[in-house]
Protein backbone atom coordinates (compact mmCIF):
# COMPACT_ATOMS: atom_id res chain seq x y z
CA UNK A 1 3.89 14.33 28.11
CA UNK A 2 3.16 15.70 24.65
CA UNK A 3 6.77 15.03 23.62
CA UNK A 4 6.53 11.40 24.76
CA UNK A 5 3.40 10.83 22.69
CA UNK A 6 5.02 12.53 19.70
CA UNK A 7 8.14 10.39 20.09
CA UNK A 8 6.08 7.20 20.27
CA UNK A 9 4.10 8.24 17.21
CA UNK A 10 7.26 8.97 15.22
CA UNK A 11 8.81 5.69 16.34
CA UNK A 12 5.77 3.76 15.14
CA UNK A 13 6.02 5.46 11.74
CA UNK A 14 9.79 5.39 11.25
CA UNK A 15 10.79 2.01 12.73
CA UNK A 16 10.27 -0.92 10.35
CA UNK A 17 7.29 -3.01 11.37
CA UNK A 18 9.46 -6.13 11.51
CA UNK A 19 11.06 -4.66 14.63
CA UNK A 20 7.71 -5.04 16.38
CA UNK A 21 7.42 -8.68 15.27
CA UNK A 22 4.88 -8.33 12.47
CA UNK A 23 5.35 -7.56 8.83
CA UNK A 24 3.01 -5.24 6.96
CA UNK A 25 1.70 -8.27 5.12
CA UNK A 26 0.87 -10.08 8.36
CA UNK A 27 -1.01 -7.06 9.70
CA UNK A 28 -2.98 -6.67 6.45
CA UNK A 29 -3.70 -10.41 6.43
CA UNK A 30 -5.14 -10.35 9.96
CA UNK A 31 -7.41 -7.44 9.07
CA UNK A 32 -8.42 -9.00 5.74
CA UNK A 33 -9.34 -12.30 7.34
CA UNK A 34 -11.47 -10.34 9.81
CA UNK A 35 -13.40 -8.90 6.86
CA UNK A 36 -11.80 -5.48 6.40
CA UNK A 37 -12.40 -4.54 2.75
CA UNK A 38 -9.48 -2.09 2.58
CA UNK A 39 -7.11 -4.78 3.83
CA UNK A 40 -8.59 -7.35 1.44
CA UNK A 41 -8.02 -5.00 -1.48
CA UNK A 42 -4.47 -4.29 -0.27
CA UNK A 43 -3.69 -8.02 -0.15
CA UNK A 44 -5.05 -8.34 -3.67
CA UNK A 45 -2.64 -5.65 -4.81
CA UNK A 46 0.27 -7.31 -2.99
CA UNK A 47 -0.45 -10.61 -4.73
CA UNK A 48 -0.97 -8.92 -8.11
CA UNK A 49 2.33 -7.08 -7.89
CA UNK A 50 4.29 -9.99 -6.44
CA UNK A 51 5.08 -8.13 -3.23
CA UNK A 52 4.61 -11.27 -1.11
CA UNK A 53 6.47 -13.71 -3.31
CA UNK A 54 5.70 -14.61 -6.91
CA UNK A 55 2.69 -12.95 -8.52
CA UNK A 56 -0.43 -14.94 -7.72
CA UNK A 57 -3.54 -13.95 -9.66
CA UNK A 58 -5.64 -16.62 -7.94
CA UNK A 59 -4.95 -15.15 -4.49
CA UNK A 60 -5.32 -11.60 -5.82
CA UNK A 61 -8.69 -12.48 -7.30
CA UNK A 62 -9.84 -14.06 -4.04
CA UNK A 63 -9.10 -10.92 -2.02
CA UNK A 64 -10.43 -8.50 -4.64
CA UNK A 65 -13.70 -10.45 -4.81
CA UNK A 66 -14.15 -10.46 -1.05
CA UNK A 67 -13.66 -6.69 -0.90
CA UNK A 68 -15.79 -6.08 -4.01
CA UNK A 69 -18.68 -8.07 -2.54
CA UNK A 70 -18.69 -5.55 0.31
CA UNK A 71 -19.08 -2.72 -2.19
CA UNK A 72 -15.45 -1.57 -2.02
CA UNK A 73 -15.12 0.43 -5.26
CA UNK A 74 -11.34 0.08 -5.65
CA UNK A 75 -11.64 -3.70 -5.46
CA UNK A 76 -14.46 -3.64 -8.02
CA UNK A 77 -12.19 -1.60 -10.28
CA UNK A 78 -9.34 -4.05 -9.73
CA UNK A 79 -11.61 -6.96 -10.70
CA UNK A 80 -12.54 -5.07 -13.86
CA UNK A 81 -8.88 -4.49 -14.64
CA UNK A 82 -8.09 -8.18 -14.15
CA UNK A 83 -10.99 -9.01 -16.49
CA UNK A 84 -9.77 -6.51 -19.09
CA UNK A 85 -6.24 -7.91 -18.95
CA UNK A 86 -7.55 -11.46 -19.27
CA UNK A 87 -6.24 -12.67 -15.92
CA UNK A 88 -6.78 -16.35 -15.25
CA UNK A 89 -9.80 -17.13 -13.08
CA UNK A 90 -11.79 -13.98 -13.86
CA UNK A 91 -15.27 -14.57 -15.17
CA UNK A 92 -16.02 -13.69 -18.79
CA UNK A 93 -18.93 -11.58 -17.59
CA UNK A 94 -18.87 -8.81 -15.02
CA UNK A 95 -22.08 -10.35 -13.70
CA UNK A 96 -20.15 -13.52 -13.02
CA UNK A 97 -17.97 -11.59 -10.60
CA UNK A 98 -21.00 -10.87 -8.44
CA UNK A 99 -20.30 -7.17 -8.56
CA UNK A 100 -22.71 -5.80 -11.16
CA UNK A 101 -26.34 -6.71 -10.62
CA UNK A 102 -27.79 -4.86 -13.61
CA UNK A 103 -26.72 -4.51 -17.23
CA UNK A 104 -23.16 -3.43 -17.89
């Protein structure tokens, strides 16, 4: 029985997710739309890096903001990085991002 469970676990890790009918992006998207901050941040990264087609800073910003509003520190950092790099759509003020409630 232990070997069967181990084999199933290894199969889930080693077999590409597309074999099971869902891409990694689709799985992250389902979780993100359900409000999972980790998944929202991951989608932001995918859009920033162009891993789901052309780079899309508008979509990246959307997902980073949703995660940041939940207090997800990595997403807050990613919003700050987008601000620092002058990405389109990022507020001029960190307060405008809805992340920092007191002085910067």
